[in-house]
């Protein structure tokens, strides 16, 4: 069970990092106006409008993988916690034990000290 949780955690992290990169590569709404005046976007790898659809679809796929891995991790962590025996009682009953008291030093009579 822990192997699957670790694999889902790695998948979730990879999807998150890829999704961050894809969002940062996308153009904002104002970038379309610059492309119409010949900023060089029409000569790109995907064409004038191809990059927007490719990047947005890739982002949607990464977001879906991220959310599915999150749901899988939540489901698995809930099933792991149910497999362990439930503790009954209050949180206050589980509090740390009191610090043991250190015995006070034995005081000797004054007559024994003066000898």
N, C-alpha and C. Protein backbone atom coordinates (compact mmCIF):
# COMPACT_ATOMS: atom_id res chain seq x y z
N UNK A 1 0.83 -1.19 0.00
CA UNK A 1 0.00 0.00 0.00
C UNK A 1 0.87 1.26 0.00
N UNK A 2 1.99 1.21 0.74
CA UNK A 2 2.86 2.38 0.80
C UNK A 2 3.57 2.63 -0.53
N UNK A 3 3.82 1.58 -1.29
CA UNK A 3 4.47 1.77 -2.59
C UNK A 3 3.55 2.55 -3.52
N UNK A 4 2.26 2.22 -3.50
CA UNK A 4 1.30 2.94 -4.34
C UNK A 4 1.16 4.39 -3.91
N UNK A 5 1.19 4.62 -2.60
CA UNK A 5 1.11 6.00 -2.11
C UNK A 5 2.33 6.80 -2.55
N UNK A 6 3.51 6.17 -2.50
CA UNK A 6 4.72 6.85 -2.94
C UNK A 6 4.69 7.14 -4.44
N UNK A 7 4.21 6.18 -5.22
CA UNK A 7 4.10 6.40 -6.67
C UNK A 7 3.11 7.52 -6.99
N UNK A 8 1.98 7.53 -6.28
CA UNK A 8 1.01 8.60 -6.50
C UNK A 8 1.57 9.96 -6.09
N UNK A 9 2.36 9.97 -5.03
CA UNK A 9 2.97 11.23 -4.59
C UNK A 9 3.95 11.75 -5.63
N UNK A 10 4.75 10.86 -6.20
CA UNK A 10 5.69 11.27 -7.25
C UNK A 10 4.93 11.76 -8.48
N UNK A 11 3.87 11.04 -8.86
CA UNK A 11 3.06 11.45 -10.01
C UNK A 11 2.42 12.81 -9.77
N UNK A 12 1.96 13.05 -8.56
CA UNK A 12 1.35 14.33 -8.23
C UNK A 12 2.38 15.47 -8.30
N UNK A 13 3.56 15.23 -7.80
CA UNK A 13 4.59 16.27 -7.84
C UNK A 13 5.03 16.57 -9.27
N UNK A 14 5.20 15.52 -10.09
CA UNK A 14 5.57 15.74 -11.49
C UNK A 14 4.48 16.50 -12.24
N UNK A 15 3.22 16.12 -12.00
CA UNK A 15 2.12 16.82 -12.66
C UNK A 15 2.07 18.28 -12.23
N UNK A 16 2.34 18.55 -10.96
CA UNK A 16 2.31 19.93 -10.48
C UNK A 16 3.43 20.75 -11.11
N UNK A 17 4.63 20.19 -11.18
CA UNK A 17 5.76 20.92 -11.75
C UNK A 17 5.54 21.17 -13.24
N UNK A 18 5.06 20.16 -13.96
CA UNK A 18 4.79 20.33 -15.40
C UNK A 18 3.68 21.35 -15.61
N UNK A 19 2.65 21.30 -14.76
CA UNK A 19 1.54 22.24 -14.92
C UNK A 19 2.00 23.68 -14.65
N UNK A 20 2.87 23.86 -13.69
CA UNK A 20 3.41 25.21 -13.42
C UNK A 20 4.18 25.70 -14.64
N UNK A 21 5.00 24.85 -15.22
CA UNK A 21 5.75 25.24 -16.41
C UNK A 21 4.85 25.57 -17.59
N UNK A 22 3.80 24.77 -17.78
CA UNK A 22 2.88 25.03 -18.89
C UNK A 22 2.11 26.33 -18.70
N UNK A 23 1.71 26.62 -17.48
CA UNK A 23 0.99 27.88 -17.23
C UNK A 23 1.91 29.07 -17.46
N UNK A 24 3.17 28.94 -17.06
CA UNK A 24 4.10 30.06 -17.26
C UNK A 24 4.46 30.26 -18.73
N UNK A 25 4.37 29.22 -19.55
CA UNK A 25 4.68 29.37 -20.97
C UNK A 25 3.53 29.97 -21.78
N UNK A 26 2.33 29.93 -21.23
CA UNK A 26 1.18 30.43 -21.98
C UNK A 26 1.20 31.95 -22.06
N UNK A 27 0.62 32.45 -23.13
CA UNK A 27 0.52 33.89 -23.32
C UNK A 27 -0.71 34.41 -22.60
N UNK A 28 -0.61 35.64 -22.13
CA UNK A 28 -1.75 36.29 -21.51
C UNK A 28 -2.71 36.81 -22.57
N UNK A 29 -3.80 37.43 -22.11
CA UNK A 29 -4.79 37.98 -23.05
C UNK A 29 -4.21 39.13 -23.87
N UNK A 30 -3.29 39.90 -23.31
CA UNK A 30 -2.71 41.03 -24.02
C UNK A 30 -1.70 40.62 -25.07
N UNK A 31 -1.22 39.39 -25.04
CA UNK A 31 -0.22 38.95 -26.01
C UNK A 31 -0.82 38.76 -27.40
N UNK A 32 -2.12 38.54 -27.49
CA UNK A 32 -2.76 38.35 -28.79
C UNK A 32 -2.71 39.63 -29.63
N UNK A 33 -2.81 40.77 -29.01
CA UNK A 33 -2.77 42.04 -29.73
C UNK A 33 -1.37 42.26 -30.31
N UNK A 34 -0.34 41.90 -29.59
CA UNK A 34 1.02 42.05 -30.09
C UNK A 34 1.30 41.11 -31.25
N UNK A 35 0.70 39.92 -31.22
CA UNK A 35 0.92 38.95 -32.30
C UNK A 35 0.30 39.45 -33.61
N UNK A 36 -0.75 40.22 -33.52
CA UNK A 36 -1.40 40.69 -34.75
C UNK A 36 -0.56 41.76 -35.44
N UNK A 37 0.34 42.41 -34.73
CA UNK A 37 1.19 43.44 -35.32
C UNK A 37 2.56 42.90 -35.73
N UNK A 38 2.72 41.59 -35.77
CA UNK A 38 3.94 40.99 -36.29
C UNK A 38 5.05 40.85 -35.28
N UNK A 39 4.72 40.35 -34.10
CA UNK A 39 5.77 40.17 -33.09
C UNK A 39 6.53 38.87 -33.29
N UNK A 40 6.20 38.11 -34.31
CA UNK A 40 6.93 36.88 -34.59
C UNK A 40 6.23 35.64 -34.11
N UNK A 41 5.06 35.75 -33.54
CA UNK A 41 4.35 34.58 -33.03
C UNK A 41 3.82 33.72 -34.16
N UNK A 42 3.61 34.31 -35.33
CA UNK A 42 3.07 33.52 -36.44
C UNK A 42 4.11 32.55 -36.98
N UNK A 43 5.37 32.80 -36.73
CA UNK A 43 6.42 31.92 -37.22
C UNK A 43 6.88 30.94 -36.17
N UNK A 44 6.11 30.74 -35.12
CA UNK A 44 6.53 29.85 -34.05
C UNK A 44 6.33 28.39 -34.46
N UNK A 45 6.66 27.51 -33.58
CA UNK A 45 6.61 26.08 -33.85
C UNK A 45 5.19 25.60 -34.10
N UNK A 46 4.22 26.13 -33.34
CA UNK A 46 2.84 25.66 -33.43
C UNK A 46 1.98 26.53 -34.33
N UNK A 47 2.52 27.59 -34.89
CA UNK A 47 1.73 28.51 -35.69
C UNK A 47 1.17 29.63 -34.83
N UNK A 48 0.33 30.46 -35.42
CA UNK A 48 -0.17 31.63 -34.72
C UNK A 48 -1.12 31.26 -33.59
N UNK A 49 -2.01 30.30 -33.80
CA UNK A 49 -2.97 29.94 -32.76
C UNK A 49 -2.76 28.53 -32.24
N UNK A 50 -1.85 27.79 -32.81
CA UNK A 50 -1.65 26.40 -32.41
C UNK A 50 -1.06 26.25 -31.03
N UNK A 51 -0.22 27.18 -30.62
CA UNK A 51 0.41 27.05 -29.31
C UNK A 51 -0.60 27.23 -28.19
N UNK A 52 -1.56 28.10 -28.37
CA UNK A 52 -2.54 28.34 -27.31
C UNK A 52 -3.39 27.09 -27.09
N UNK A 53 -3.83 26.47 -28.14
CA UNK A 53 -4.67 25.29 -27.95
C UNK A 53 -3.84 24.11 -27.43
N UNK A 54 -2.62 23.95 -27.93
CA UNK A 54 -1.77 22.86 -27.46
C UNK A 54 -1.42 23.03 -25.98
N UNK A 55 -1.02 24.24 -25.60
CA UNK A 55 -0.65 24.48 -24.21
C UNK A 55 -1.86 24.38 -23.28
N UNK A 56 -3.00 24.87 -23.72
CA UNK A 56 -4.18 24.80 -22.85
C UNK A 56 -4.66 23.36 -22.70
N UNK A 57 -4.58 22.57 -23.76
CA UNK A 57 -4.96 21.16 -23.65
C UNK A 57 -3.98 20.39 -22.77
N UNK A 58 -2.71 20.68 -22.92
CA UNK A 58 -1.70 20.01 -22.07
C UNK A 58 -1.89 20.39 -20.61
N UNK A 59 -2.22 21.65 -20.36
CA UNK A 59 -2.47 22.08 -18.99
C UNK A 59 -3.69 21.37 -18.42
N UNK A 60 -4.73 21.20 -19.23
CA UNK A 60 -5.93 20.51 -18.77
C UNK A 60 -5.63 19.04 -18.45
N UNK A 61 -4.80 18.40 -19.26
CA UNK A 61 -4.43 17.01 -18.99
C UNK A 61 -3.63 16.91 -17.70
N UNK A 62 -2.68 17.82 -17.50
CA UNK A 62 -1.87 17.82 -16.27
C UNK A 62 -2.74 18.10 -15.05
N UNK A 63 -3.70 19.01 -15.19
CA UNK A 63 -4.59 19.31 -14.07
C UNK A 63 -5.45 18.10 -13.73
N UNK A 64 -5.90 17.37 -14.75
CA UNK A 64 -6.69 16.16 -14.50
C UNK A 64 -5.86 15.10 -13.79
N UNK A 65 -4.63 14.90 -14.24
CA UNK A 65 -3.74 13.93 -13.58
C UNK A 65 -3.47 14.36 -12.14
N UNK A 66 -3.27 15.66 -11.92
CA UNK A 66 -2.99 16.17 -10.58
C UNK A 66 -4.18 15.92 -9.65
N UNK A 67 -5.39 16.23 -10.11
CA UNK A 67 -6.57 16.06 -9.26
C UNK A 67 -6.88 14.59 -9.01
N UNK A 68 -6.68 13.73 -10.02
CA UNK A 68 -6.92 12.31 -9.81
C UNK A 68 -5.90 11.71 -8.83
N UNK A 69 -4.65 12.14 -8.92
CA UNK A 69 -3.66 11.64 -7.96
C UNK A 69 -3.95 12.17 -6.56
N UNK A 70 -4.46 13.39 -6.46
CA UNK A 70 -4.83 13.92 -5.15
C UNK A 70 -5.98 13.12 -4.55
N UNK A 71 -6.98 12.81 -5.36
CA UNK A 71 -8.10 12.00 -4.86
C UNK A 71 -7.62 10.60 -4.47
N UNK A 72 -6.73 10.02 -5.26
CA UNK A 72 -6.19 8.71 -4.92
C UNK A 72 -5.41 8.72 -3.62
N UNK A 73 -4.61 9.76 -3.41
CA UNK A 73 -3.86 9.87 -2.15
C UNK A 73 -4.80 10.05 -0.96
N UNK A 74 -5.84 10.84 -1.14
CA UNK A 74 -6.81 11.03 -0.05
C UNK A 74 -7.52 9.73 0.27
N UNK A 75 -7.91 9.00 -0.75
CA UNK A 75 -8.59 7.72 -0.54
C UNK A 75 -7.68 6.72 0.16
N UNK A 76 -6.42 6.63 -0.30
CA UNK A 76 -5.48 5.68 0.29
C UNK A 76 -5.12 6.05 1.71
N UNK A 77 -4.95 7.33 1.98
CA UNK A 77 -4.59 7.72 3.34
C UNK A 77 -5.75 7.49 4.30
N UNK A 78 -6.97 7.62 3.80
CA UNK A 78 -8.13 7.35 4.64
C UNK A 78 -8.25 5.86 4.91
N UNK A 79 -7.96 5.02 3.94
CA UNK A 79 -8.05 3.58 4.15
C UNK A 79 -6.92 3.08 5.05
N UNK A 80 -5.76 3.71 5.00
CA UNK A 80 -4.67 3.33 5.89
C UNK A 80 -5.00 3.69 7.32
N UNK A 81 -5.61 4.85 7.53
CA UNK A 81 -5.94 5.26 8.90
C UNK A 81 -7.06 4.39 9.47
N UNK A 82 -7.95 3.86 8.63
CA UNK A 82 -9.00 2.97 9.12
C UNK A 82 -8.45 1.59 9.44
N UNK A 83 -7.38 1.19 8.81
CA UNK A 83 -6.80 -0.12 9.07
C UNK A 83 -6.12 -0.17 10.43
N UNK A 84 -5.67 0.96 10.90
CA UNK A 84 -5.03 1.01 12.21
C UNK A 84 -6.11 1.02 13.29
N UNK A 85 -5.84 0.43 14.45
CA UNK A 85 -6.86 0.42 15.50
C UNK A 85 -7.17 1.84 15.97
N UNK A 86 -8.43 2.08 16.17
CA UNK A 86 -8.87 3.40 16.60
C UNK A 86 -8.60 3.57 18.09
N UNK A 87 -8.04 4.67 18.44
CA UNK A 87 -7.81 4.98 19.85
C UNK A 87 -9.07 5.58 20.42
N UNK A 88 -9.48 5.06 21.53
CA UNK A 88 -10.65 5.62 22.20
C UNK A 88 -10.17 6.43 23.38
N UNK A 89 -10.90 7.44 23.69
CA UNK A 89 -10.54 8.28 24.81
C UNK A 89 -10.29 9.70 24.37
N UNK A 90 -10.05 10.50 25.34
CA UNK A 90 -9.88 11.92 25.11
C UNK A 90 -8.42 12.24 24.77
N UNK A 91 -8.22 13.36 24.15
CA UNK A 91 -6.87 13.84 23.86
C UNK A 91 -6.15 14.15 25.16
N UNK A 92 -6.90 14.62 26.14
CA UNK A 92 -6.28 14.95 27.43
C UNK A 92 -5.77 13.70 28.14
N UNK A 93 -6.40 12.57 27.90
CA UNK A 93 -5.92 11.33 28.51
C UNK A 93 -4.61 10.86 27.89
N UNK A 94 -4.35 11.29 26.66
CA UNK A 94 -3.13 10.90 25.97
C UNK A 94 -2.01 11.90 26.18
N UNK A 95 -2.21 12.87 27.05
CA UNK A 95 -1.20 13.91 27.28
C UNK A 95 0.07 13.29 27.82
N UNK A 96 1.16 14.00 27.64
CA UNK A 96 2.45 13.51 28.11
C UNK A 96 2.42 13.36 29.63
N UNK A 97 3.11 12.35 30.14
CA UNK A 97 3.12 12.16 31.60
C UNK A 97 3.83 13.33 32.28
N UNK A 98 3.45 13.53 33.52
CA UNK A 98 4.03 14.63 34.29
C UNK A 98 5.52 14.39 34.49
N UNK A 99 6.27 15.46 34.59
CA UNK A 99 7.71 15.37 34.80
C UNK A 99 7.95 14.87 36.22
N UNK A 100 8.78 13.84 36.36
CA UNK A 100 9.03 13.32 37.72
C UNK A 100 9.75 14.37 38.57
N UNK A 101 9.38 14.41 39.82
CA UNK A 101 10.00 15.39 40.72
C UNK A 101 11.35 14.88 41.19
N UNK A 102 12.30 15.77 41.22
CA UNK A 102 13.65 15.44 41.66
C UNK A 102 13.67 15.57 43.19
N UNK A 103 14.15 14.53 43.87
CA UNK A 103 14.17 14.62 45.34
C UNK A 103 15.10 15.75 45.79
N UNK A 104 14.68 16.42 46.83
CA UNK A 104 15.50 17.51 47.35
C UNK A 104 16.74 16.95 48.04
N UNK A 105 17.78 17.72 48.07
CA UNK A 105 19.04 17.30 48.68
C UNK A 105 18.87 17.14 50.18
N UNK A 106 19.50 16.14 50.73
CA UNK A 106 19.43 15.89 52.16
C UNK A 106 20.31 16.90 52.87
N UNK A 107 19.72 17.61 53.79
CA UNK A 107 20.49 18.63 54.52
C UNK A 107 21.08 18.00 55.77
N UNK A 108 22.34 18.26 55.98
CA UNK A 108 23.02 17.71 57.16
C UNK A 108 22.95 18.73 58.29
N UNK A 109 22.98 18.24 59.52
CA UNK A 109 22.97 19.18 60.65
C UNK A 109 24.24 20.05 60.65
N UNK A 110 24.14 21.18 61.23
CA UNK A 110 25.24 22.14 61.26
C UNK A 110 26.43 21.59 62.01
N UNK A 111 26.21 20.73 63.01
CA UNK A 111 27.31 20.18 63.78
C UNK A 111 28.17 19.25 62.93
N UNK A 112 27.56 18.54 61.98
CA UNK A 112 28.31 17.61 61.15
C UNK A 112 29.16 18.37 60.12
N UNK A 113 28.73 19.55 59.75
CA UNK A 113 29.45 20.32 58.75
C UNK A 113 30.67 20.96 59.39
N UNK A 114 30.59 21.38 60.62
CA UNK A 114 31.69 22.09 61.25
C UNK A 114 32.84 21.16 61.61
N UNK A 115 32.64 19.88 61.73
CA UNK A 115 33.72 18.95 62.09
C UNK A 115 34.58 18.69 60.95
